[in-house]
Amino acid sequence: MEIGIIRMSSKGQIVIPASMRRDLDDGEQLVIIRDGSRFILKPLEDLEPALEDDIRFAEQTEKAYLEFEKGEYTHEKDVDFIQKMKSW
């Protein structure tokens, strides 16, 4: 097991130590899971397909909610909205 110390920036950014990211490709998506005071970070491709789908759906839902909060929400027919959700 490797242990490293990192610092979070004022923008919420962290840097994974070089020795721990050598097997990761540039632009690779990672999932972070918070379980109480424990954080788990793992490559998105390592997740089971069903969990990966759930996470992508949650990301799209969060994005839509933030757009709504900013007043960027547009009205759609229910059929169009359901079609959009199916594409998520």
Protein backbone atom coordinates (compact mmCIF):
# COMPACT_ATOMS: atom_id res chain seq x y z
CA MET A 1 0.00 0.00 0.00
CA GLU A 2 1.25 3.48 -0.89
CA ILE A 3 0.45 6.51 1.23
CA GLY A 4 0.78 10.11 0.10
CA ILE A 5 -0.17 13.51 1.47
CA ILE A 6 -2.09 15.88 -0.76
CA ARG A 7 -3.56 19.33 -0.32
CA MET A 8 -6.82 20.60 -1.72
CA SER A 9 -6.70 23.97 -3.47
CA SER A 10 -9.18 26.78 -2.87
CA LYS A 11 -10.93 25.58 -6.05
CA GLY A 12 -11.33 22.05 -4.66
CA GLN A 13 -8.60 20.58 -6.86
CA ILE A 14 -6.21 17.89 -5.71
CA VAL A 15 -3.11 16.37 -7.30
CA ILE A 16 -2.55 12.64 -7.16
CA PRO A 17 1.14 11.98 -6.45
CA ALA A 18 3.06 10.96 -9.59
CA SER A 19 4.03 7.60 -8.13
CA MET A 20 0.34 6.73 -7.65
CA ARG A 21 -0.88 7.83 -11.07
CA ARG A 22 1.70 6.12 -13.28
CA ASP A 23 -0.89 3.57 -14.46
CA LEU A 24 -3.51 6.23 -15.26
CA ASP A 25 -3.84 7.83 -18.70
CA ASP A 26 -4.26 11.57 -19.26
CA GLY A 27 -7.94 12.43 -19.23
CA GLU A 28 -8.96 9.16 -17.56
CA GLN A 29 -12.16 9.51 -15.58
CA LEU A 30 -12.05 8.63 -11.90
CA VAL A 31 -14.88 8.11 -9.46
CA ILE A 32 -14.64 9.48 -5.93
CA ILE A 33 -16.88 8.02 -3.28
CA ARG A 34 -17.22 9.47 0.20
CA ASP A 35 -18.08 7.08 2.99
CA GLY A 36 -18.09 9.12 6.19
CA SER A 37 -14.53 10.38 6.63
CA ARG A 38 -13.13 7.90 4.08
CA PHE A 39 -12.67 8.76 0.39
CA ILE A 40 -12.34 6.08 -2.28
CA LEU A 41 -10.90 7.01 -5.67
CA LYS A 42 -10.94 4.53 -8.53
CA PRO A 43 -10.97 4.52 -12.33
CA LEU A 44 -14.47 4.68 -13.80
CA GLU A 45 -13.71 1.72 -16.07
CA ASP A 46 -13.15 -0.52 -13.03
CA LEU A 47 -16.76 -0.19 -11.91
CA GLU A 48 -19.41 -2.74 -12.67
CA PRO A 49 -21.50 -1.67 -15.69
CA ALA A 50 -24.70 -1.17 -13.64
CA LEU A 51 -22.95 1.08 -11.12
CA GLU A 52 -21.24 3.01 -13.91
CA ASP A 53 -24.65 3.65 -15.52
CA ASP A 54 -26.06 4.83 -12.17
CA ILE A 55 -23.16 7.24 -11.69
CA ARG A 56 -23.49 8.69 -15.20
CA PHE A 57 -27.24 9.14 -14.66
CA ALA A 58 -26.58 10.88 -11.32
CA GLU A 59 -24.08 13.22 -13.02
CA GLN A 60 -26.61 14.14 -15.71
CA THR A 61 -29.31 14.68 -13.09
CA GLU A 62 -27.01 16.93 -11.05
CA LYS A 63 -26.10 18.89 -14.19
CA ALA A 64 -29.78 19.37 -15.05
CA TYR A 65 -30.56 20.49 -11.48
CA LEU A 66 -27.74 23.07 -11.55
CA GLU A 67 -29.04 24.42 -14.87
CA PHE A 68 -32.49 24.71 -13.29
CA GLU A 69 -31.02 26.56 -10.28
CA LYS A 70 -29.29 29.03 -12.62
CA GLY A 71 -32.55 29.69 -14.46
CA GLU A 72 -31.32 27.90 -17.59
CA TYR A 73 -34.21 25.44 -17.47
CA THR A 74 -36.32 25.11 -20.58
CA HIS A 75 -39.77 23.57 -20.85
CA GLU A 76 -40.07 20.41 -22.89
CA LYS A 77 -42.82 18.04 -23.79
CA ASP A 78 -42.82 15.01 -21.53
CA VAL A 79 -42.07 12.72 -24.48
CA ASP A 80 -39.05 14.80 -25.47
CA PHE A 81 -37.79 14.84 -21.89
CA ILE A 82 -38.08 11.05 -21.59
CA GLN A 83 -36.19 10.62 -24.88
CA LYS A 84 -33.42 12.88 -23.57
CA MET A 85 -33.23 10.87 -20.35
CA LYS A 86 -32.92 7.63 -22.34
CA SER A 87 -29.83 9.07 -24.02
CA TRP A 88 -28.16 9.58 -20.63
